[in-house]
Amino acid sequence: MKIAVIPARGGSKRIPSKNIGPFCGRPMLAYSIEAAIASECFDKIIVSTDDEDIADIALIYGAEVPFMRPENLSDDFTGTAAVIRHAIEWFTQQTIDVSDVCCICATAPFIQAEYIIEAYEKLRQKDCMYVFPITSFAFPIQRAITITEDNTIEMLYPENIATRSQDLTEAFHDAGQFYWGKAQAWINEVQILGKDSLPIILPRYLVQDIDTKEDWETAELMYQAFIKNNRSNMHR
């Protein structure tokens, strides 16, 4: 069985009610659930939460909440892998065999079903443990600078000060949307950011980390522009 697990605990500190806050007119969590449903990849789409309000929203938008996450897996220090492992073990206790698991982030409003499908096809066809989306940095990381203790500028990689931008290696970062993995990889805690993983590449306009109020506002503006552009293309 293939399952999607959306970790969404309550008690967000930096953005209160982050997982179900209103984003462009709908609860943030709704976007991840709807993309999972649209992909038609899953036998079960579940939300792992310790919060009744989040559970109610999950059910409204079509996910299942077969259990409430235990308190020991709902603090600020519990990692995603432990939450996914708990979900797999719950299904195992119900004598349900899980083969592949996609961990979908609860705050990923730009997530698209087509990329969930693409990543699953790669996981199925290639010799790997995980597949997840990445995107490129907009600026060469080799030219990154930092501010020193005495408030002056310092290059992190001064050896690249005279290197042309086009000669620098392109760098990517985790898109923070979803992670397809073999169930056994999750159980055995195989490192996601490692040699057993393969990427799919997303355009930068579909990626926005949301950790602060400014991030949220930026994401809403990006999303509105994305929707407007899609509607314009449909009517051409």
C-alpha atoms as a PDB file:
ATOM      1  CA  MET A   1       0.000   0.000   0.000  1.00  0.00           C
ATOM      2  CA  LYS A   2       1.136   3.535  -0.797  1.00  0.00           C
ATOM      3  CA  ILE A   3       0.316   6.208   1.755  1.00  0.00           C
ATOM      4  CA  ALA A   4       0.736   9.953   2.117  1.00  0.00           C
ATOM      5  CA  VAL A   5       1.494  11.186   5.609  1.00  0.00           C
ATOM      6  CA  ILE A   6       1.065  14.895   6.321  1.00  0.00           C
ATOM      7  CA  PRO A   7       2.644  15.837   9.673  1.00  0.00           C
ATOM      8  CA  ALA A   8       0.711  18.748  11.162  1.00  0.00           C
ATOM      9  CA  ARG A   9       1.054  19.225  14.881  1.00  0.00           C
ATOM     10  CA  GLY A  10      -0.543  22.056  16.801  1.00  0.00           C
ATOM     11  CA  GLY A  11       1.224  24.708  18.834  1.00  0.00           C
ATOM     12  CA  SER A  12       3.284  26.504  16.214  1.00  0.00           C
ATOM     13  CA  LYS A  13       5.422  29.137  17.944  1.00  0.00           C
ATOM     14  CA  ARG A  14       6.531  31.554  15.217  1.00  0.00           C
ATOM     15  CA  ILE A  15       3.226  31.593  13.288  1.00  0.00           C
ATOM     16  CA  PRO A  16       0.263  30.638  15.503  1.00  0.00           C
ATOM     17  CA  SER A  17      -2.033  27.999  13.936  1.00  0.00           C
ATOM     18  CA  LYS A  18       0.373  27.886  10.991  1.00  0.00           C
ATOM     19  CA  ASN A  19      -0.876  24.582   9.590  1.00  0.00           C
ATOM     20  CA  ILE A  20      -4.499  25.695   9.276  1.00  0.00           C
ATOM     21  CA  GLY A  21      -4.140  29.467   9.030  1.00  0.00           C
ATOM     22  CA  PRO A  22      -6.009  31.134   6.128  1.00  0.00           C
ATOM     23  CA  PHE A  23      -3.820  31.252   3.030  1.00  0.00           C
ATOM     24  CA  CYS A  24      -5.430  32.967   0.023  1.00  0.00           C
ATOM     25  CA  GLY A  25      -8.872  32.041   1.303  1.00  0.00           C
ATOM     26  CA  ARG A  26      -8.340  28.431   2.402  1.00  0.00           C
ATOM     27  CA  PRO A  27      -6.631  26.673   5.312  1.00  0.00           C
ATOM     28  CA  MET A  28      -2.945  26.142   4.567  1.00  0.00           C
ATOM     29  CA  LEU A  29      -3.292  22.391   5.114  1.00  0.00           C
ATOM     30  CA  ALA A  30      -5.914  22.130   2.368  1.00  0.00           C
ATOM     31  CA  TYR A  31      -3.367  22.668  -0.415  1.00  0.00           C
ATOM     32  CA  SER A  32      -1.284  19.642   0.548  1.00  0.00           C
ATOM     33  CA  ILE A  33      -4.334  17.391   0.933  1.00  0.00           C
ATOM     34  CA  GLU A  34      -5.820  18.473  -2.389  1.00  0.00           C
ATOM     35  CA  ALA A  35      -2.544  17.940  -4.271  1.00  0.00           C
ATOM     36  CA  ALA A  36      -2.220  14.456  -2.759  1.00  0.00           C
ATOM     37  CA  ILE A  37      -5.773  13.588  -3.809  1.00  0.00           C
ATOM     38  CA  ALA A  38      -5.274  15.004  -7.309  1.00  0.00           C
ATOM     39  CA  SER A  39      -2.124  12.924  -7.843  1.00  0.00           C
ATOM     40  CA  GLU A  40      -4.119   9.659  -7.474  1.00  0.00           C
ATOM     41  CA  CYS A  41      -0.920   8.073  -6.156  1.00  0.00           C
ATOM     42  CA  PHE A  42      -2.185   6.988  -2.753  1.00  0.00           C
ATOM     43  CA  ASP A  43      -4.308   4.300  -1.170  1.00  0.00           C
ATOM     44  CA  LYS A  44      -4.515   6.388   1.996  1.00  0.00           C
ATOM     45  CA  ILE A  45      -3.904  10.077   2.709  1.00  0.00           C
ATOM     46  CA  ILE A  46      -3.546  10.685   6.424  1.00  0.00           C
ATOM     47  CA  VAL A  47      -2.783  13.663   8.620  1.00  0.00           C
ATOM     48  CA  SER A  48      -0.682  12.943  11.690  1.00  0.00           C
ATOM     49  CA  THR A  49      -1.637  15.503  14.315  1.00  0.00           C
ATOM     50  CA  ASP A  50      -2.123  16.022  18.038  1.00  0.00           C
ATOM     51  CA  ASP A  51      -4.615  18.854  17.499  1.00  0.00           C
ATOM     52  CA  GLU A  52      -8.405  18.412  17.208  1.00  0.00           C
ATOM     53  CA  ASP A  53      -8.876  21.571  15.123  1.00  0.00           C
ATOM     54  CA  ILE A  54      -6.282  20.390  12.617  1.00  0.00           C
ATOM     55  CA  ALA A  55      -7.924  16.959  12.544  1.00  0.00           C
ATOM     56  CA  ASP A  56     -11.315  18.530  11.772  1.00  0.00           C
ATOM     57  CA  ILE A  57      -9.888  20.572   8.880  1.00  0.00           C
ATOM     58  CA  ALA A  58      -8.103  17.483   7.533  1.00  0.00           C
ATOM     59  CA  LEU A  59     -11.353  15.535   7.434  1.00  0.00           C
ATOM     60  CA  ILE A  60     -13.218  18.376   5.732  1.00  0.00           C
ATOM     61  CA  TYR A  61     -10.704  18.463   2.879  1.00  0.00           C
ATOM     62  CA  GLY A  62     -10.635  14.714   2.312  1.00  0.00           C
ATOM     63  CA  ALA A  63      -7.792  13.289   4.382  1.00  0.00           C
ATOM     64  CA  GLU A  64      -8.099  10.639   7.084  1.00  0.00           C
ATOM     65  CA  VAL A  65      -7.063  10.974  10.710  1.00  0.00           C
ATOM     66  CA  PRO A  66      -6.975   7.339  11.868  1.00  0.00           C
ATOM     67  CA  PHE A  67      -5.126   8.179  15.081  1.00  0.00           C
ATOM     68  CA  MET A  68      -4.098  11.166  17.176  1.00  0.00           C
ATOM     69  CA  ARG A  69      -0.352  11.565  17.410  1.00  0.00           C
ATOM     70  CA  PRO A  70       0.985  10.702  20.889  1.00  0.00           C
ATOM     71  CA  GLU A  71       2.330  13.453  23.108  1.00  0.00           C
ATOM     72  CA  ASN A  72       5.901  12.141  23.017  1.00  0.00           C
ATOM     73  CA  LEU A  73       5.967  12.750  19.242  1.00  0.00           C
ATOM     74  CA  SER A  74       4.390  16.207  19.381  1.00  0.00           C
ATOM     75  CA  ASP A  75       7.059  18.405  20.917  1.00  0.00           C
ATOM     76  CA  ASP A  76       9.421  20.912  19.304  1.00  0.00           C
ATOM     77  CA  PHE A  77      12.258  18.393  19.077  1.00  0.00           C
ATOM     78  CA  THR A  78      10.585  15.451  17.323  1.00  0.00           C
ATOM     79  CA  GLY A  79      11.893  14.977  13.790  1.00  0.00           C
ATOM     80  CA  THR A  80       9.817  14.195  10.727  1.00  0.00           C
ATOM     81  CA  ALA A  81      11.272  10.700  10.346  1.00  0.00           C
ATOM     82  CA  ALA A  82       9.974   9.668  13.773  1.00  0.00           C
ATOM     83  CA  VAL A  83       6.473  10.852  12.850  1.00  0.00           C
ATOM     84  CA  ILE A  84       6.517   8.918   9.576  1.00  0.00           C
ATOM     85  CA  ARG A  85       7.870   5.822  11.292  1.00  0.00           C
ATOM     86  CA  HIS A  86       5.070   6.022  13.857  1.00  0.00           C
ATOM     87  CA  ALA A  87       2.465   6.134  11.060  1.00  0.00           C
ATOM     88  CA  ILE A  88       3.991   3.126   9.295  1.00  0.00           C
ATOM     89  CA  GLU A  89       4.088   1.171  12.544  1.00  0.00           C
ATOM     90  CA  TRP A  90       0.440   2.050  13.217  1.00  0.00           C
ATOM     91  CA  PHE A  91      -0.578   0.540   9.869  1.00  0.00           C
ATOM     92  CA  THR A  92       1.598  -2.503  10.537  1.00  0.00           C
ATOM     93  CA  GLN A  93      -0.268  -3.033  13.814  1.00  0.00           C
ATOM     94  CA  GLN A  94      -3.499  -3.056  11.784  1.00  0.00           C
ATOM     95  CA  THR A  95      -1.929  -5.844   9.640  1.00  0.00           C
ATOM     96  CA  ILE A  96      -1.676  -3.454   6.678  1.00  0.00           C
ATOM     97  CA  ASP A  97       1.544  -3.665   4.676  1.00  0.00           C
ATOM     98  CA  VAL A  98       2.973  -0.315   3.589  1.00  0.00           C
ATOM     99  CA  SER A  99       5.411  -0.304   0.665  1.00  0.00           C
ATOM    100  CA  ASP A 100       5.978   3.384  -0.119  1.00  0.00           C
ATOM    101  CA  VAL A 101       5.358   6.541   1.896  1.00  0.00           C
ATOM    102  CA  CYS A 102       5.252  10.159   0.806  1.00  0.00           C
ATOM    103  CA  CYS A 103       5.748  12.662   3.600  1.00  0.00           C
ATOM    104  CA  ILE A 104       3.947  15.818   2.472  1.00  0.00           C
ATOM    105  CA  CYS A 105       4.590  19.078   4.277  1.00  0.00           C
ATOM    106  CA  ALA A 106       1.516  20.775   5.719  1.00  0.00           C
ATOM    107  CA  THR A 107       2.698  24.252   4.705  1.00  0.00           C
ATOM    108  CA  ALA A 108       3.410  23.789   1.009  1.00  0.00           C
ATOM    109  CA  PRO A 109       0.753  25.757  -0.901  1.00  0.00           C
ATOM    110  CA  PHE A 110       2.687  25.572  -4.186  1.00  0.00           C
ATOM    111  CA  ILE A 111       2.771  21.769  -4.219  1.00  0.00           C
ATOM    112  CA  GLN A 112       1.593  20.335  -7.549  1.00  0.00           C
ATOM    113  CA  ALA A 113       0.169  16.860  -8.180  1.00  0.00           C
ATOM    114  CA  GLU A 114       2.259  16.464 -11.334  1.00  0.00           C
ATOM    115  CA  TYR A 115       5.495  16.599  -9.350  1.00  0.00           C
ATOM    116  CA  ILE A 116       4.232  14.085  -6.784  1.00  0.00           C
ATOM    117  CA  ILE A 117       3.549  11.741  -9.707  1.00  0.00           C
ATOM    118  CA  GLU A 118       6.913  12.436 -11.344  1.00  0.00           C
ATOM    119  CA  ALA A 119       8.767  11.746  -8.111  1.00  0.00           C
ATOM    120  CA  TYR A 120       6.904   8.483  -7.522  1.00  0.00           C
ATOM    121  CA  GLU A 121       7.725   7.263 -11.032  1.00  0.00           C
ATOM    122  CA  LYS A 122      11.398   7.942 -10.371  1.00  0.00           C
ATOM    123  CA  LEU A 123      11.235   6.157  -7.000  1.00  0.00           C
ATOM    124  CA  ARG A 124       9.611   3.160  -8.699  1.00  0.00           C
ATOM    125  CA  GLN A 125      11.981   2.989 -11.657  1.00  0.00           C
ATOM    126  CA  LYS A 126      15.340   3.939 -10.169  1.00  0.00           C
ATOM    127  CA  ASP A 127      17.581   2.313  -7.573  1.00  0.00           C
ATOM    128  CA  CYS A 128      17.073   4.742  -4.698  1.00  0.00           C
ATOM    129  CA  MET A 129      15.470   5.076  -1.284  1.00  0.00           C
ATOM    130  CA  TYR A 130      13.990   8.583  -1.579  1.00  0.00           C
ATOM    131  CA  VAL A 131      12.976  11.102  -4.224  1.00  0.00           C
ATOM    132  CA  PHE A 132      12.160  14.701  -3.353  1.00  0.00           C
ATOM    133  CA  PRO A 133      11.991  18.098  -5.080  1.00  0.00           C
ATOM    134  CA  ILE A 134      14.765  20.659  -5.038  1.00  0.00           C
ATOM    135  CA  THR A 135      15.214  24.058  -6.612  1.00  0.00           C
ATOM    136  CA  SER A 136      18.204  26.196  -7.534  1.00  0.00           C
ATOM    137  CA  PHE A 137      19.527  29.108  -5.514  1.00  0.00           C
ATOM    138  CA  ALA A 138      18.829  32.412  -7.238  1.00  0.00           C
ATOM    139  CA  PHE A 139      22.360  33.642  -6.532  1.00  0.00           C
ATOM    140  CA  PRO A 140      25.685  31.745  -6.488  1.00  0.00           C
ATOM    141  CA  ILE A 141      26.217  30.489  -2.942  1.00  0.00           C
ATOM    142  CA  GLN A 142      29.983  30.747  -3.500  1.00  0.00           C
ATOM    143  CA  ARG A 143      29.556  34.532  -3.390  1.00  0.00           C
ATOM    144  CA  ALA A 144      27.710  34.502  -0.061  1.00  0.00           C
ATOM    145  CA  ILE A 145      28.775  37.085   2.492  1.00  0.00           C
ATOM    146  CA  THR A 146      28.421  37.366   6.237  1.00  0.00           C
ATOM    147  CA  ILE A 147      28.522  40.247   8.708  1.00  0.00           C
ATOM    148  CA  THR A 148      31.320  39.986  11.249  1.00  0.00           C
ATOM    149  CA  GLU A 149      31.182  40.868  14.948  1.00  0.00           C
ATOM    150  CA  ASP A 150      32.577  44.339  14.222  1.00  0.00           C
ATOM    151  CA  ASN A 151      29.851  44.881  11.566  1.00  0.00           C
ATOM    152  CA  THR A 152      32.073  44.535   8.506  1.00  0.00           C
ATOM    153  CA  ILE A 153      31.514  42.360   5.447  1.00  0.00           C
ATOM    154  CA  GLU A 154      33.312  39.069   4.916  1.00  0.00           C
ATOM    155  CA  MET A 155      33.003  36.531   2.103  1.00  0.00           C
ATOM    156  CA  LEU A 156      32.255  32.977   3.190  1.00  0.00           C
ATOM    157  CA  TYR A 157      34.277  31.670   0.245  1.00  0.00           C
ATOM    158  CA  PRO A 158      36.950  34.317  -0.442  1.00  0.00           C
ATOM    159  CA  GLU A 159      38.745  31.992  -2.845  1.00  0.00           C
ATOM    160  CA  ASN A 160      35.932  32.676  -5.346  1.00  0.00           C
ATOM    161  CA  ILE A 161      36.155  36.459  -5.266  1.00  0.00           C
ATOM    162  CA  ALA A 162      37.609  36.670  -8.799  1.00  0.00           C
ATOM    163  CA  THR A 163      35.716  33.701 -10.312  1.00  0.00           C
ATOM    164  CA  ARG A 164      33.094  34.500 -12.929  1.00  0.00           C
ATOM    165  CA  SER A 165      29.532  33.615 -11.899  1.00  0.00           C
ATOM    166  CA  GLN A 166      29.087  31.377 -14.944  1.00  0.00           C
ATOM    167  CA  ASP A 167      32.105  29.346 -13.872  1.00  0.00           C
ATOM    168  CA  LEU A 168      30.702  28.561 -10.426  1.00  0.00           C
ATOM    169  CA  THR A 169      28.888  25.282  -9.784  1.00  0.00           C
ATOM    170  CA  GLU A 170      25.116  25.689  -9.597  1.00  0.00           C
ATOM    171  CA  ALA A 171      23.729  24.896  -6.151  1.00  0.00           C
ATOM    172  CA  PHE A 172      20.285  23.672  -5.092  1.00  0.00           C
ATOM    173  CA  HIS A 173      18.262  23.437  -1.908  1.00  0.00           C
ATOM    174  CA  ASP A 174      15.421  21.290  -0.592  1.00  0.00           C
ATOM    175  CA  ALA A 175      12.077  22.642  -1.826  1.00  0.00           C
ATOM    176  CA  GLY A 176      10.404  21.664   1.462  1.00  0.00           C
ATOM    177  CA  GLN A 177       7.281  20.173  -0.148  1.00  0.00           C
ATOM    178  CA  PHE A 178       7.354  16.385  -0.015  1.00  0.00           C
ATOM    179  CA  TYR A 179       9.592  13.326   0.326  1.00  0.00           C
ATOM    180  CA  TRP A 180       8.749  10.035  -1.366  1.00  0.00           C
ATOM    181  CA  GLY A 181      10.475   7.092   0.272  1.00  0.00           C
ATOM    182  CA  LYS A 182      10.464   3.334   0.567  1.00  0.00           C
ATOM    183  CA  ALA A 183       8.747   2.340   3.803  1.00  0.00           C
ATOM    184  CA  GLN A 184      11.829   0.438   4.918  1.00  0.00           C
ATOM    185  CA  ALA A 185      13.988   3.505   4.394  1.00  0.00           C
ATOM    186  CA  TRP A 186      11.785   5.465   6.791  1.00  0.00           C
ATOM    187  CA  ILE A 187      11.785   2.622   9.318  1.00  0.00           C
ATOM    188  CA  ASN A 188      15.566   2.276   9.173  1.00  0.00           C
ATOM    189  CA  GLU A 189      16.072   6.059   9.352  1.00  0.00           C
ATOM    190  CA  VAL A 190      18.064   6.215   6.124  1.00  0.00           C
ATOM    191  CA  GLN A 191      19.330   9.781   5.689  1.00  0.00           C
ATOM    192  CA  ILE A 192      17.173  11.717   3.214  1.00  0.00           C
ATOM    193  CA  LEU A 193      19.871  14.228   2.221  1.00  0.00           C
ATOM    194  CA  GLY A 194      22.318  11.578   1.118  1.00  0.00           C
ATOM    195  CA  LYS A 195      23.555   9.293  -1.629  1.00  0.00           C
ATOM    196  CA  ASP A 196      20.422   7.115  -1.540  1.00  0.00           C
ATOM    197  CA  SER A 197      18.195   9.991  -2.712  1.00  0.00           C
ATOM    198  CA  LEU A 198      17.357  11.336  -6.155  1.00  0.00           C
ATOM    199  CA  PRO A 199      15.992  14.807  -6.995  1.00  0.00           C
ATOM    200  CA  ILE A 200      13.359  16.281  -9.214  1.00  0.00           C
ATOM    201  CA  ILE A 201      13.897  19.952 -10.008  1.00  0.00           C
ATOM    202  CA  LEU A 202      11.194  22.579  -9.469  1.00  0.00           C
ATOM    203  CA  PRO A 203      11.147  26.105 -10.885  1.00  0.00           C
ATOM    204  CA  ARG A 204      11.934  28.706  -8.226  1.00  0.00           C
ATOM    205  CA  TYR A 205       8.521  30.360  -8.568  1.00  0.00           C
ATOM    206  CA  LEU A 206       6.937  27.227  -7.060  1.00  0.00           C
ATOM    207  CA  VAL A 207       9.087  27.264  -3.923  1.00  0.00           C
ATOM    208  CA  GLN A 208       8.757  29.466  -0.852  1.00  0.00           C
ATOM    209  CA  ASP A 209       9.785  28.541   2.671  1.00  0.00           C
ATOM    210  CA  ILE A 210       7.212  29.720   5.223  1.00  0.00           C
ATOM    211  CA  ASP A 211       8.695  30.251   8.676  1.00  0.00           C
ATOM    212  CA  THR A 212       7.896  33.904   9.407  1.00  0.00           C
ATOM    213  CA  LYS A 213       5.060  36.360   8.829  1.00  0.00           C
ATOM    214  CA  GLU A 214       7.114  37.937   6.038  1.00  0.00           C
ATOM    215  CA  ASP A 215       7.519  34.518   4.389  1.00  0.00           C
ATOM    216  CA  TRP A 216       3.750  34.021   4.578  1.00  0.00           C
ATOM    217  CA  GLU A 217       2.987  37.381   2.987  1.00  0.00           C
ATOM    218  CA  THR A 218       5.566  36.774   0.254  1.00  0.00           C
ATOM    219  CA  ALA A 219       4.079  33.343  -0.442  1.00  0.00           C
ATOM    220  CA  GLU A 220       0.564  34.761  -0.776  1.00  0.00           C
ATOM    221  CA  LEU A 221       1.751  37.348  -3.305  1.00  0.00           C
ATOM    222  CA  MET A 222       3.612  34.660  -5.249  1.00  0.00           C
ATOM    223  CA  TYR A 223       0.600  32.349  -5.167  1.00  0.00           C
ATOM    224  CA  GLN A 224      -1.765  35.057  -6.390  1.00  0.00           C
ATOM    225  CA  ALA A 225       0.599  35.798  -9.282  1.00  0.00           C
ATOM    226  CA  PHE A 226       0.881  32.067 -10.045  1.00  0.00           C
ATOM    227  CA  ILE A 227      -2.906  31.629 -10.156  1.00  0.00           C
ATOM    228  CA  LYS A 228      -3.369  34.779 -12.236  1.00  0.00           C
ATOM    229  CA  ASN A 229      -0.769  33.577 -14.745  1.00  0.00           C
ATOM    230  CA  ASN A 230      -2.396  30.145 -15.012  1.00  0.00           C
ATOM    231  CA  ARG A 231      -5.824  31.668 -15.633  1.00  0.00           C
ATOM    232  CA  SER A 232      -4.365  33.950 -18.282  1.00  0.00           C
ATOM    233  CA  ASN A 233      -2.768  30.984 -20.068  1.00  0.00           C
ATOM    234  CA  MET A 234      -6.069  29.058 -19.995  1.00  0.00           C
ATOM    235  CA  HIS A 235      -7.907  31.851 -21.827  1.00  0.00           C
ATOM    236  CA  ARG A 236      -5.376  32.389 -24.582  1.00  0.00           C
END
